[in-house]
PDB file of N, CA and C in Angstrom:
ATOM      1  N   MET A   1     -80.287 -41.400  47.018  1.00  0.00           N
ATOM      2  CA  MET A   1     -79.827 -40.734  45.805  1.00  0.00           C
ATOM      3  C   MET A   1     -80.507 -39.377  45.723  1.00  0.00           C
ATOM      4  N   ALA A   2     -79.747 -38.357  45.392  1.00  0.00           N
ATOM      5  CA  ALA A   2     -80.268 -36.996  45.329  1.00  0.00           C
ATOM      6  C   ALA A   2     -81.143 -36.798  44.092  1.00  0.00           C
ATOM      7  N   VAL A   3     -82.197 -36.034  44.294  1.00  0.00           N
ATOM      8  CA  VAL A   3     -83.130 -35.722  43.204  1.00  0.00           C
ATOM      9  C   VAL A   3     -83.152 -34.213  43.036  1.00  0.00           C
ATOM     10  N   PRO A   4     -83.085 -33.704  41.787  1.00  0.00           N
ATOM     11  CA  PRO A   4     -83.122 -32.250  41.588  1.00  0.00           C
ATOM     12  C   PRO A   4     -84.434 -31.645  42.097  1.00  0.00           C
ATOM     13  N   PHE A   5     -84.327 -30.494  42.745  1.00  0.00           N
ATOM     14  CA  PHE A   5     -85.507 -29.840  43.309  1.00  0.00           C
ATOM     15  C   PHE A   5     -86.389 -29.270  42.205  1.00  0.00           C
ATOM     16  N   ARG A   6     -85.764 -28.674  41.174  1.00  0.00           N
ATOM     17  CA  ARG A   6     -86.523 -28.095  40.073  1.00  0.00           C
ATOM     18  C   ARG A   6     -86.043 -28.689  38.757  1.00  0.00           C
ATOM     19  N   ARG A   7     -86.938 -28.683  37.809  1.00  0.00           N
ATOM     20  CA  ARG A   7     -86.610 -29.184  36.477  1.00  0.00           C
ATOM     21  C   ARG A   7     -85.684 -28.187  35.766  1.00  0.00           C
ATOM     22  N   THR A   8     -84.684 -28.707  35.018  1.00  0.00           N
ATOM     23  CA  THR A   8     -83.791 -27.838  34.256  1.00  0.00           C
ATOM     24  C   THR A   8     -84.536 -27.354  33.021  1.00  0.00           C
ATOM     25  N   SER A   9     -84.527 -26.047  32.816  1.00  0.00           N
ATOM     26  CA  SER A   9     -85.255 -25.480  31.676  1.00  0.00           C
ATOM     27  C   SER A   9     -84.579 -25.856  30.359  1.00  0.00           C
ATOM     28  N   ILE A  10     -85.312 -25.766  29.273  1.00  0.00           N
ATOM     29  CA  ILE A  10     -84.794 -26.086  27.946  1.00  0.00           C
ATOM     30  C   ILE A  10     -83.634 -25.160  27.589  1.00  0.00           C
ATOM     31  N   THR A  11     -83.761 -23.893  27.929  1.00  0.00           N
ATOM     32  CA  THR A  11     -82.711 -22.917  27.627  1.00  0.00           C
ATOM     33  C   THR A  11     -81.417 -23.260  28.353  1.00  0.00           C
ATOM     34  N   LYS A  12     -81.514 -23.549  29.641  1.00  0.00           N
ATOM     35  CA  LYS A  12     -80.326 -23.889  30.418  1.00  0.00           C
ATOM     36  C   LYS A  12     -79.674 -25.173  29.901  1.00  0.00           C
ATOM     37  N   LYS A  13     -80.511 -26.139  29.538  1.00  0.00           N
ATOM     38  CA  LYS A  13     -79.996 -27.408  29.020  1.00  0.00           C
ATOM     39  C   LYS A  13     -79.257 -27.195  27.689  1.00  0.00           C
ATOM     40  N   ARG A  14     -79.843 -26.378  26.827  1.00  0.00           N
ATOM     41  CA  ARG A  14     -79.216 -26.097  25.528  1.00  0.00           C
ATOM     42  C   ARG A  14     -77.954 -25.266  25.679  1.00  0.00           C
ATOM     43  N   MET A  15     -77.923 -24.349  26.630  1.00  0.00           N
ATOM     44  CA  MET A  15     -76.712 -23.546  26.871  1.00  0.00           C
ATOM     45  C   MET A  15     -75.574 -24.442  27.348  1.00  0.00           C
ATOM     46  N   ARG A  16     -75.882 -25.442  28.136  1.00  0.00           N
ATOM     47  CA  ARG A  16     -74.863 -26.359  28.643  1.00  0.00           C
ATOM     48  C   ARG A  16     -74.327 -27.253  27.524  1.00  0.00           C
ATOM     49  N   ARG A  17     -75.150 -27.576  26.533  1.00  0.00           N
ATOM     50  CA  ARG A  17     -74.763 -28.508  25.478  1.00  0.00           C
ATOM     51  C   ARG A  17     -74.270 -27.833  24.189  1.00  0.00           C
ATOM     52  N   THR A  18     -74.032 -26.545  24.207  1.00  0.00           N
ATOM     53  CA  THR A  18     -73.656 -25.862  22.966  1.00  0.00           C
ATOM     54  C   THR A  18     -72.328 -26.348  22.398  1.00  0.00           C
ATOM     55  N   HIS A  19     -71.410 -26.821  23.221  1.00  0.00           N
ATOM     56  CA  HIS A  19     -70.120 -27.284  22.744  1.00  0.00           C
ATOM     57  C   HIS A  19     -70.151 -28.742  22.258  1.00  0.00           C
ATOM     58  N   LEU A  20     -71.292 -29.413  22.342  1.00  0.00           N
ATOM     59  CA  LEU A  20     -71.391 -30.815  21.958  1.00  0.00           C
ATOM     60  C   LEU A  20     -71.794 -31.011  20.502  1.00  0.00           C
ATOM     61  N   LYS A  21     -71.910 -29.940  19.728  1.00  0.00           N
ATOM     62  CA  LYS A  21     -72.374 -30.066  18.361  1.00  0.00           C
ATOM     63  C   LYS A  21     -71.299 -30.677  17.459  1.00  0.00           C
ATOM     64  N   LYS A  22     -71.710 -31.278  16.363  1.00  0.00           N
ATOM     65  CA  LYS A  22     -70.777 -31.883  15.434  1.00  0.00           C
ATOM     66  C   LYS A  22     -70.092 -30.802  14.610  1.00  0.00           C
ATOM     67  N   GLU A  23     -68.868 -31.096  14.225  1.00  0.00           N
ATOM     68  CA  GLU A  23     -68.118 -30.182  13.372  1.00  0.00           C
ATOM     69  C   GLU A  23     -67.939 -30.810  12.000  1.00  0.00           C
ATOM     70  N   ALA A  24     -67.852 -29.980  10.987  1.00  0.00           N
ATOM     71  CA  ALA A  24     -67.634 -30.474   9.627  1.00  0.00           C
ATOM     72  C   ALA A  24     -66.207 -30.996   9.507  1.00  0.00           C
ATOM     73  N   GLY A  25     -66.059 -32.097   8.776  1.00  0.00           N
ATOM     74  CA  GLY A  25     -64.752 -32.686   8.572  1.00  0.00           C
ATOM     75  C   GLY A  25     -63.897 -31.848   7.638  1.00  0.00           C
ATOM     76  N   GLU A  26     -62.587 -32.047   7.709  1.00  0.00           N
ATOM     77  CA  GLU A  26     -61.662 -31.297   6.873  1.00  0.00           C
ATOM     78  C   GLU A  26     -61.710 -31.834   5.450  1.00  0.00           C
ATOM     79  N   VAL A  27     -61.615 -30.926   4.482  1.00  0.00           N
ATOM     80  CA  VAL A  27     -61.638 -31.298   3.077  1.00  0.00           C
ATOM     81  C   VAL A  27     -60.465 -30.643   2.376  1.00  0.00           C
ATOM     82  N   VAL A  28     -59.731 -31.438   1.584  1.00  0.00           N
ATOM     83  CA  VAL A  28     -58.626 -30.920   0.788  1.00  0.00           C
ATOM     84  C   VAL A  28     -58.920 -31.225  -0.671  1.00  0.00           C
ATOM     85  N   SER A  29     -58.157 -30.629  -1.592  1.00  0.00           N
ATOM     86  CA  SER A  29     -58.364 -30.899  -3.004  1.00  0.00           C
ATOM     87  C   SER A  29     -57.278 -31.827  -3.517  1.00  0.00           C
ATOM     88  N   CYS A  30     -57.625 -32.662  -4.475  1.00  0.00           N
ATOM     89  CA  CYS A  30     -56.684 -33.601  -5.079  1.00  0.00           C
ATOM     90  C   CYS A  30     -55.663 -32.800  -5.903  1.00  0.00           C
ATOM     91  N   PRO A  31     -54.364 -33.065  -5.721  1.00  0.00           N
ATOM     92  CA  PRO A  31     -53.365 -32.307  -6.468  1.00  0.00           C
ATOM     93  C   PRO A  31     -53.370 -32.614  -7.967  1.00  0.00           C
ATOM     94  N   LYS A  32     -53.914 -33.767  -8.362  1.00  0.00           N
ATOM     95  CA  LYS A  32     -53.907 -34.152  -9.775  1.00  0.00           C
ATOM     96  C   LYS A  32     -55.134 -33.627 -10.525  1.00  0.00           C
ATOM     97  N   CYS A  33     -56.331 -33.891  -9.963  1.00  0.00           N
ATOM     98  CA  CYS A  33     -57.554 -33.496 -10.692  1.00  0.00           C
ATOM     99  C   CYS A  33     -58.314 -32.360 -10.017  1.00  0.00           C
ATOM    100  N   GLY A  34     -57.998 -32.039  -8.750  1.00  0.00           N
ATOM    101  CA  GLY A  34     -58.659 -30.933  -8.062  1.00  0.00           C
ATOM    102  C   GLY A  34     -59.972 -31.289  -7.409  1.00  0.00           C
ATOM    103  N   ALA A  35     -60.330 -32.566  -7.378  1.00  0.00           N
ATOM    104  CA  ALA A  35     -61.594 -32.982  -6.763  1.00  0.00           C
ATOM    105  C   ALA A  35     -61.485 -32.887  -5.245  1.00  0.00           C
ATOM    106  N   PRO A  36     -62.566 -32.502  -4.551  1.00  0.00           N
ATOM    107  CA  PRO A  36     -62.520 -32.431  -3.091  1.00  0.00           C
ATOM    108  C   PRO A  36     -62.521 -33.824  -2.477  1.00  0.00           C
ATOM    109  N   LEU A  37     -61.672 -34.026  -1.455  1.00  0.00           N
ATOM    110  CA  LEU A  37     -61.617 -35.301  -0.764  1.00  0.00           C
ATOM    111  C   LEU A  37     -61.080 -35.101   0.645  1.00  0.00           C
ATOM    112  N   ARG A  38     -61.277 -36.105   1.494  1.00  0.00           N
ATOM    113  CA  ARG A  38     -60.776 -36.034   2.863  1.00  0.00           C
ATOM    114  C   ARG A  38     -59.293 -36.363   2.871  1.00  0.00           C
ATOM    115  N   PRO A  39     -58.543 -35.840   3.830  1.00  0.00           N
ATOM    116  CA  PRO A  39     -57.103 -36.064   3.860  1.00  0.00           C
ATOM    117  C   PRO A  39     -56.740 -37.536   4.066  1.00  0.00           C
ATOM    118  N   HIS A  40     -55.590 -37.948   3.545  1.00  0.00           N
ATOM    119  CA  HIS A  40     -55.034 -39.299   3.681  1.00  0.00           C
ATOM    120  C   HIS A  40     -55.932 -40.360   3.077  1.00  0.00           C
ATOM    121  N   ARG A  41     -56.584 -40.048   1.965  1.00  0.00           N
ATOM    122  CA  ARG A  41     -57.428 -41.004   1.258  1.00  0.00           C
ATOM    123  C   ARG A  41     -57.177 -40.890  -0.234  1.00  0.00           C
ATOM    124  N   ALA A  42     -57.370 -41.982  -0.945  1.00  0.00           N
ATOM    125  CA  ALA A  42     -57.193 -41.973  -2.388  1.00  0.00           C
ATOM    126  C   ALA A  42     -58.355 -41.229  -3.035  1.00  0.00           C
ATOM    127  N   CYS A  43     -58.071 -40.550  -4.143  1.00  0.00           N
ATOM    128  CA  CYS A  43     -59.095 -39.795  -4.866  1.00  0.00           C
ATOM    129  C   CYS A  43     -60.034 -40.760  -5.575  1.00  0.00           C
ATOM    130  N   LYS A  44     -61.335 -40.548  -5.447  1.00  0.00           N
ATOM    131  CA  LYS A  44     -62.316 -41.411  -6.083  1.00  0.00           C
ATOM    132  C   LYS A  44     -62.477 -41.115  -7.559  1.00  0.00           C
ATOM    133  N   LYS A  45     -62.078 -39.922  -7.976  1.00  0.00           N
ATOM    134  CA  LYS A  45     -62.242 -39.543  -9.392  1.00  0.00           C
ATOM    135  C   LYS A  45     -61.089 -40.055 -10.250  1.00  0.00           C
ATOM    136  N   CYS A  46     -59.837 -39.875  -9.777  1.00  0.00           N
ATOM    137  CA  CYS A  46     -58.685 -40.250 -10.595  1.00  0.00           C
ATOM    138  C   CYS A  46     -57.895 -41.429 -10.019  1.00  0.00           C
ATOM    139  N   GLY A  47     -58.126 -41.826  -8.766  1.00  0.00           N
ATOM    140  CA  GLY A  47     -57.424 -42.952  -8.162  1.00  0.00           C
ATOM    141  C   GLY A  47     -56.012 -42.624  -7.711  1.00  0.00           C
ATOM    142  N   ASN A  48     -55.687 -41.368  -7.552  1.00  0.00           N
ATOM    143  CA  ASN A  48     -54.337 -40.937  -7.201  1.00  0.00           C
ATOM    144  C   ASN A  48     -54.203 -40.807  -5.688  1.00  0.00           C
ATOM    145  N   TYR A  49     -53.036 -41.246  -5.152  1.00  0.00           N
ATOM    146  CA  TYR A  49     -52.715 -41.061  -3.742  1.00  0.00           C
ATOM    147  C   TYR A  49     -51.224 -40.847  -3.620  1.00  0.00           C
ATOM    148  N   LYS A  50     -50.817 -39.692  -3.095  1.00  0.00           N
ATOM    149  CA  LYS A  50     -49.408 -39.322  -2.914  1.00  0.00           C
ATOM    150  C   LYS A  50     -48.612 -39.451  -4.218  1.00  0.00           C
ATOM    151  N   GLY A  51     -49.210 -39.022  -5.317  1.00  0.00           N
ATOM    152  CA  GLY A  51     -48.516 -39.015  -6.592  1.00  0.00           C
ATOM    153  C   GLY A  51     -48.473 -40.346  -7.306  1.00  0.00           C
ATOM    154  N   GLU A  52     -49.125 -41.360  -6.782  1.00  0.00           N
ATOM    155  CA  GLU A  52     -49.147 -42.678  -7.407  1.00  0.00           C
ATOM    156  C   GLU A  52     -50.589 -43.082  -7.708  1.00  0.00           C
ATOM    157  N   ASN A  53     -50.771 -43.815  -8.796  1.00  0.00           N
ATOM    158  CA  ASN A  53     -52.093 -44.305  -9.157  1.00  0.00           C
ATOM    159  C   ASN A  53     -52.321 -45.617  -8.415  1.00  0.00           C
ATOM    160  N   VAL A  54     -53.219 -45.601  -7.419  1.00  0.00           N
ATOM    161  CA  VAL A  54     -53.453 -46.776  -6.585  1.00  0.00           C
ATOM    162  C   VAL A  54     -54.813 -47.451  -6.857  1.00  0.00           C
ATOM    163  N   LEU A  55     -55.715 -46.772  -7.563  1.00  0.00           N
ATOM    164  CA  LEU A  55     -57.011 -47.330  -7.888  1.00  0.00           C
ATOM    165  C   LEU A  55     -57.235 -47.322  -9.392  1.00  0.00           C
ATOM    166  N   GLU A  56     -57.840 -48.378  -9.898  1.00  0.00           N
ATOM    167  CA  GLU A  56     -58.202 -48.425 -11.316  1.00  0.00           C
ATOM    168  C   GLU A  56     -59.628 -47.854 -11.446  1.00  0.00           C
ATOM    169  N   ILE A  57     -59.756 -46.710 -12.070  1.00  0.00           N
ATOM    170  CA  ILE A  57     -61.048 -46.053 -12.220  1.00  0.00           C
ATOM    171  C   ILE A  57     -61.474 -46.170 -13.681  1.00  0.00           C
ATOM    172  N   GLU A  58     -62.705 -46.680 -13.890  1.00  0.00           N
ATOM    173  CA  GLU A  58     -63.248 -46.776 -15.247  1.00  0.00           C
ATOM    174  C   GLU A  58     -63.859 -45.446 -15.627  1.00  0.00           C
ATOM    175  N   GLU A  59     -63.631 -45.015 -16.842  1.00  0.00           N
ATOM    176  CA  GLU A  59     -64.184 -43.739 -17.325  1.00  0.00           C
ATOM    177  C   GLU A  59     -65.650 -43.903 -17.680  1.00  0.00           C
ATOM    178  N   GLU A  60     -66.450 -42.895 -17.354  1.00  0.00           N
ATOM    179  CA  GLU A  60     -67.876 -42.918 -17.687  1.00  0.00           C
ATOM    180  C   GLU A  60     -68.067 -42.555 -19.138  1.00  0.00           C
ATOM    181  N   LYS A  61     -69.068 -43.179 -19.752  1.00  0.00           N
ATOM    182  CA  LYS A  61     -69.333 -42.914 -21.175  1.00  0.00           C
ATOM    183  C   LYS A  61     -70.378 -41.860 -21.349  1.00  0.00           C
TER     184      LYS A  61
END
């Protein structure tokens, strides 16, 4: 099995891995209340999804 002759420097290693970083997920706003949420999910604030109320949300006092 081949063994590297020299150790890979930290800079070279980091330059090779620059495209492996995480990306932020997409965020859209709820058409009913305007709260930020991820696409294709019911709103946690109002319970709305595609114009229909699918979750029963209790109001805070």
